[in-house]
Amino acid sequence: VIRRFLGEDMSNRTQANEYFVHFLREPRIDPESGEELEPAVLLYEPCGSIAVVRDRITNHMKVLNTSNKTEKIRLVLFDAAVKHIMRITRVFALPRGNVLLVGVGGSGKQP
């Protein structure tokens, strides 16, 4: 239906999953002191694939784990978990953003 009314190009665009996040950009860091000069720009933009987002989340976890010595974050980032993280961060970025997360106890995947 899309191909017939909107053409081949639009049909190909709708077939592929596009993911958008607002945490891909890096903050501006002072090269001499290593201090953060400006926070990262929170621009809601396409990220390409789940693998790109997974790598970014993994980097955030590494930074948090190096700064916090007592508690380590250990998440298994399977595709469904990454998609949930994208949805949750989008809601929290909105003004007055709220979300109710409901899950069955013990249903999470273990490392």
C-alpha atoms as a PDB file:
ATOM      1  CA  VAL A   1       0.000   0.000   0.000  1.00  0.00           C
ATOM      2  CA  ILE A   2       2.769   2.452   0.924  1.00  0.00           C
ATOM      3  CA  ARG A   3       4.704   1.645  -2.246  1.00  0.00           C
ATOM      4  CA  ARG A   4       1.647   2.200  -4.412  1.00  0.00           C
ATOM      5  CA  PHE A   5       0.668   5.595  -2.939  1.00  0.00           C
ATOM      6  CA  LEU A   6       3.951   7.070  -1.685  1.00  0.00           C
ATOM      7  CA  GLY A   7       6.583   5.431  -3.862  1.00  0.00           C
ATOM      8  CA  GLU A   8       9.514   3.052  -3.515  1.00  0.00           C
ATOM      9  CA  ASP A   9      11.697   5.377  -1.425  1.00  0.00           C
ATOM     10  CA  MET A  10       9.085   5.906   1.292  1.00  0.00           C
ATOM     11  CA  SER A  11       8.287   2.203   1.299  1.00  0.00           C
ATOM     12  CA  ASN A  12      11.940   1.343   1.968  1.00  0.00           C
ATOM     13  CA  ARG A  13      12.131   3.918   4.771  1.00  0.00           C
ATOM     14  CA  THR A  14       9.128   2.481   6.559  1.00  0.00           C
ATOM     15  CA  GLN A  15      10.451  -1.083   6.424  1.00  0.00           C
ATOM     16  CA  ALA A  16      13.545  -0.376   8.504  1.00  0.00           C
ATOM     17  CA  ASN A  17      13.251   0.285  12.233  1.00  0.00           C
ATOM     18  CA  GLU A  18      14.497   3.719  13.167  1.00  0.00           C
ATOM     19  CA  TYR A  19      15.430   4.427  16.764  1.00  0.00           C
ATOM     20  CA  PHE A  20      15.763   7.860  18.323  1.00  0.00           C
ATOM     21  CA  VAL A  21      17.554   8.795  21.546  1.00  0.00           C
ATOM     22  CA  HIS A  22      18.754  11.989  23.182  1.00  0.00           C
ATOM     23  CA  PHE A  23      21.946  10.763  24.875  1.00  0.00           C
ATOM     24  CA  LEU A  24      24.363  10.185  21.972  1.00  0.00           C
ATOM     25  CA  ARG A  25      26.307  13.419  22.231  1.00  0.00           C
ATOM     26  CA  GLU A  26      29.375  13.857  24.419  1.00  0.00           C
ATOM     27  CA  PRO A  27      29.906  16.775  26.817  1.00  0.00           C
ATOM     28  CA  ARG A  28      32.632  19.290  26.005  1.00  0.00           C
ATOM     29  CA  ILE A  29      35.709  18.400  28.078  1.00  0.00           C
ATOM     30  CA  ASP A  30      38.724  20.592  28.831  1.00  0.00           C
ATOM     31  CA  PRO A  31      41.700  18.661  27.408  1.00  0.00           C
ATOM     32  CA  GLU A  32      44.117  20.007  30.021  1.00  0.00           C
ATOM     33  CA  SER A  33      42.147  19.490  33.227  1.00  0.00           C
ATOM     34  CA  GLY A  34      39.672  16.838  32.106  1.00  0.00           C
ATOM     35  CA  GLU A  35      36.807  18.868  33.589  1.00  0.00           C
ATOM     36  CA  GLU A  36      33.460  19.165  31.892  1.00  0.00           C
ATOM     37  CA  LEU A  37      33.128  22.610  30.295  1.00  0.00           C
ATOM     38  CA  GLU A  38      29.605  22.161  28.920  1.00  0.00           C
ATOM     39  CA  PRO A  39      27.124  19.353  29.446  1.00  0.00           C
ATOM     40  CA  ALA A  40      26.159  17.196  26.506  1.00  0.00           C
ATOM     41  CA  VAL A  41      23.479  18.620  24.258  1.00  0.00           C
ATOM     42  CA  LEU A  42      20.276  16.620  24.666  1.00  0.00           C
ATOM     43  CA  LEU A  43      19.107  16.484  21.070  1.00  0.00           C
ATOM     44  CA  TYR A  44      16.543  13.833  20.159  1.00  0.00           C
ATOM     45  CA  GLU A  45      18.109  12.309  17.041  1.00  0.00           C
ATOM     46  CA  PRO A  46      18.213   9.048  15.090  1.00  0.00           C
ATOM     47  CA  CYS A  47      20.825   6.629  16.356  1.00  0.00           C
ATOM     48  CA  GLY A  48      20.996   4.112  13.537  1.00  0.00           C
ATOM     49  CA  SER A  49      20.754   0.771  15.295  1.00  0.00           C
ATOM     50  CA  ILE A  50      20.290  -0.952  18.622  1.00  0.00           C
ATOM     51  CA  ALA A  51      24.022  -1.771  18.664  1.00  0.00           C
ATOM     52  CA  VAL A  52      24.932   1.938  18.709  1.00  0.00           C
ATOM     53  CA  VAL A  53      22.602   2.565  21.655  1.00  0.00           C
ATOM     54  CA  ARG A  54      23.858  -0.549  23.475  1.00  0.00           C
ATOM     55  CA  ASP A  55      27.463   0.692  23.146  1.00  0.00           C
ATOM     56  CA  ARG A  56      26.482   4.121  24.454  1.00  0.00           C
ATOM     57  CA  ILE A  57      24.624   2.668  27.448  1.00  0.00           C
ATOM     58  CA  THR A  58      27.592   0.383  28.164  1.00  0.00           C
ATOM     59  CA  ASN A  59      29.911   3.413  28.153  1.00  0.00           C
ATOM     60  CA  HIS A  60      27.604   5.247  30.578  1.00  0.00           C
ATOM     61  CA  MET A  61      27.620   2.195  32.870  1.00  0.00           C
ATOM     62  CA  LYS A  62      31.432   2.072  32.784  1.00  0.00           C
ATOM     63  CA  VAL A  63      31.666   5.749  33.738  1.00  0.00           C
ATOM     64  CA  LEU A  64      29.209   5.262  36.603  1.00  0.00           C
ATOM     65  CA  ASN A  65      31.023   2.127  37.789  1.00  0.00           C
ATOM     66  CA  THR A  66      34.397   3.892  37.872  1.00  0.00           C
ATOM     67  CA  SER A  67      32.990   6.867  39.788  1.00  0.00           C
ATOM     68  CA  ASN A  68      31.079   4.737  42.323  1.00  0.00           C
ATOM     69  CA  LYS A  69      33.314   2.200  44.031  1.00  0.00           C
ATOM     70  CA  THR A  70      30.738   0.669  46.390  1.00  0.00           C
ATOM     71  CA  GLU A  71      27.899  -0.293  44.054  1.00  0.00           C
ATOM     72  CA  LYS A  72      28.421  -1.521  40.515  1.00  0.00           C
ATOM     73  CA  ILE A  73      25.772  -1.462  37.815  1.00  0.00           C
ATOM     74  CA  ARG A  74      25.603  -4.788  36.007  1.00  0.00           C
ATOM     75  CA  LEU A  75      22.888  -4.840  33.380  1.00  0.00           C
ATOM     76  CA  VAL A  76      22.330  -7.429  30.673  1.00  0.00           C
ATOM     77  CA  LEU A  77      21.558  -5.298  27.642  1.00  0.00           C
ATOM     78  CA  PHE A  78      19.502  -7.546  25.391  1.00  0.00           C
ATOM     79  CA  ASP A  79      17.474  -5.861  22.635  1.00  0.00           C
ATOM     80  CA  ALA A  80      14.220  -5.614  24.592  1.00  0.00           C
ATOM     81  CA  ALA A  81      16.045  -4.017  27.563  1.00  0.00           C
ATOM     82  CA  VAL A  82      17.716  -1.437  25.307  1.00  0.00           C
ATOM     83  CA  LYS A  83      14.348  -0.549  23.755  1.00  0.00           C
ATOM     84  CA  HIS A  84      12.840  -0.109  27.221  1.00  0.00           C
ATOM     85  CA  ILE A  85      15.745   2.136  28.260  1.00  0.00           C
ATOM     86  CA  MET A  86      15.157   4.270  25.154  1.00  0.00           C
ATOM     87  CA  ARG A  87      11.460   4.645  26.027  1.00  0.00           C
ATOM     88  CA  ILE A  88      12.119   5.393  29.703  1.00  0.00           C
ATOM     89  CA  THR A  89      14.779   8.031  29.020  1.00  0.00           C
ATOM     90  CA  ARG A  90      12.469   9.696  26.498  1.00  0.00           C
ATOM     91  CA  VAL A  91       9.668   9.956  29.064  1.00  0.00           C
ATOM     92  CA  PHE A  92      12.017  11.287  31.763  1.00  0.00           C
ATOM     93  CA  ALA A  93      13.340  13.934  29.353  1.00  0.00           C
ATOM     94  CA  LEU A  94       9.852  15.404  28.917  1.00  0.00           C
ATOM     95  CA  PRO A  95       8.602  18.132  31.235  1.00  0.00           C
ATOM     96  CA  ARG A  96       6.732  16.470  34.106  1.00  0.00           C
ATOM     97  CA  GLY A  97       7.553  13.118  32.524  1.00  0.00           C
ATOM     98  CA  ASN A  98       6.350  10.163  34.570  1.00  0.00           C
ATOM     99  CA  VAL A  99       6.238   6.466  33.891  1.00  0.00           C
ATOM    100  CA  LEU A 100       4.986   3.497  35.887  1.00  0.00           C
ATOM    101  CA  LEU A 101       7.226   0.455  35.465  1.00  0.00           C
ATOM    102  CA  VAL A 102       5.574  -2.851  36.289  1.00  0.00           C
ATOM    103  CA  GLY A 103       7.278  -6.201  36.151  1.00  0.00           C
ATOM    104  CA  VAL A 104       6.984  -9.675  37.554  1.00  0.00           C
ATOM    105  CA  GLY A 105       9.467 -10.344  40.349  1.00  0.00           C
ATOM    106  CA  GLY A 106      12.335 -12.548  39.262  1.00  0.00           C
ATOM    107  CA  SER A 107      11.492 -12.283  35.581  1.00  0.00           C
ATOM    108  CA  GLY A 108      14.623 -10.357  34.650  1.00  0.00           C
ATOM    109  CA  LYS A 109      17.472 -12.052  32.796  1.00  0.00           C
ATOM    110  CA  GLN A 110      20.497 -12.731  34.956  1.00  0.00           C
ATOM    111  CA  PRO A 111      24.134 -12.294  33.862  1.00  0.00           C
END
